[in-house]
Amino acid sequence: MSMPYTKYEKARIISARALQISMGAPPLIKIKDIYDPIVIAKLEFEKEVIPIDVVR
């Protein structure tokens, strides 16, 4: 992370990624016994592997 994200940017990134996962996109991290797309997206965000940029 180059700059800290606002809570709104974080919510938008996680929600966009969760939608992608729920539509069938493969997870970018190894997961085991986790099926909730929001939880998976939060884990991906924490590990900084989501390929989404914020333009300010």
Protein backbone atom coordinates (compact mmCIF):
# COMPACT_ATOMS: atom_id res chain seq x y z
CA MET A 1 0.00 0.00 0.00
CA SER A 2 1.51 3.29 -1.03
CA MET A 3 -1.08 5.49 0.68
CA PRO A 4 -3.57 4.54 3.35
CA TYR A 5 -7.05 4.07 1.96
CA THR A 6 -10.06 5.87 3.36
CA LYS A 7 -12.80 3.70 4.84
CA TYR A 8 -14.88 4.39 1.72
CA GLU A 9 -12.13 3.29 -0.66
CA LYS A 10 -11.54 0.16 1.41
CA ALA A 11 -15.26 -0.68 1.37
CA ARG A 12 -15.46 -0.14 -2.40
CA ILE A 13 -12.40 -2.28 -3.13
CA ILE A 14 -13.58 -5.13 -0.90
CA SER A 15 -17.13 -5.01 -2.26
CA ALA A 16 -15.96 -4.97 -5.89
CA ARG A 17 -13.66 -7.93 -5.27
CA ALA A 18 -16.36 -9.83 -3.35
CA LEU A 19 -18.69 -9.37 -6.32
CA GLN A 20 -16.03 -10.75 -8.67
CA ILE A 21 -15.53 -13.78 -6.42
CA SER A 22 -19.28 -14.40 -6.11
CA MET A 23 -19.54 -14.33 -9.92
CA GLY A 24 -16.93 -17.08 -10.23
CA ALA A 25 -13.53 -15.36 -10.23
CA PRO A 26 -10.85 -17.53 -8.63
CA PRO A 27 -9.52 -16.41 -5.22
CA LEU A 28 -6.03 -14.87 -5.29
CA ILE A 29 -5.01 -16.51 -2.01
CA LYS A 30 -5.04 -20.05 -0.73
CA ILE A 31 -8.24 -20.64 1.20
CA LYS A 32 -9.57 -23.63 3.02
CA ASP A 33 -13.17 -24.06 4.15
CA ILE A 34 -14.08 -20.40 3.50
CA TYR A 35 -17.01 -19.86 1.17
CA ASP A 36 -18.16 -16.30 1.98
CA PRO A 37 -16.93 -13.97 -0.80
CA ILE A 38 -16.78 -10.97 1.57
CA VAL A 39 -14.50 -12.82 3.99
CA ILE A 40 -12.26 -13.94 1.11
CA ALA A 41 -12.11 -10.37 -0.27
CA LYS A 42 -11.19 -9.00 3.18
CA LEU A 43 -8.38 -11.54 3.49
CA GLU A 44 -7.12 -10.63 0.02
CA PHE A 45 -7.22 -6.92 0.94
CA GLU A 46 -5.24 -7.53 4.14
CA LYS A 47 -2.60 -9.45 2.17
CA GLU A 48 -2.51 -6.67 -0.46
CA VAL A 49 -3.08 -8.96 -3.46
CA ILE A 50 -6.17 -7.32 -4.97
CA PRO A 51 -5.25 -5.84 -8.36
CA ILE A 52 -7.50 -2.77 -8.04
CA ASP A 53 -6.10 0.79 -8.12
CA VAL A 54 -7.64 3.90 -6.60
CA VAL A 55 -7.31 7.04 -8.69
CA ARG A 56 -7.66 10.25 -6.72
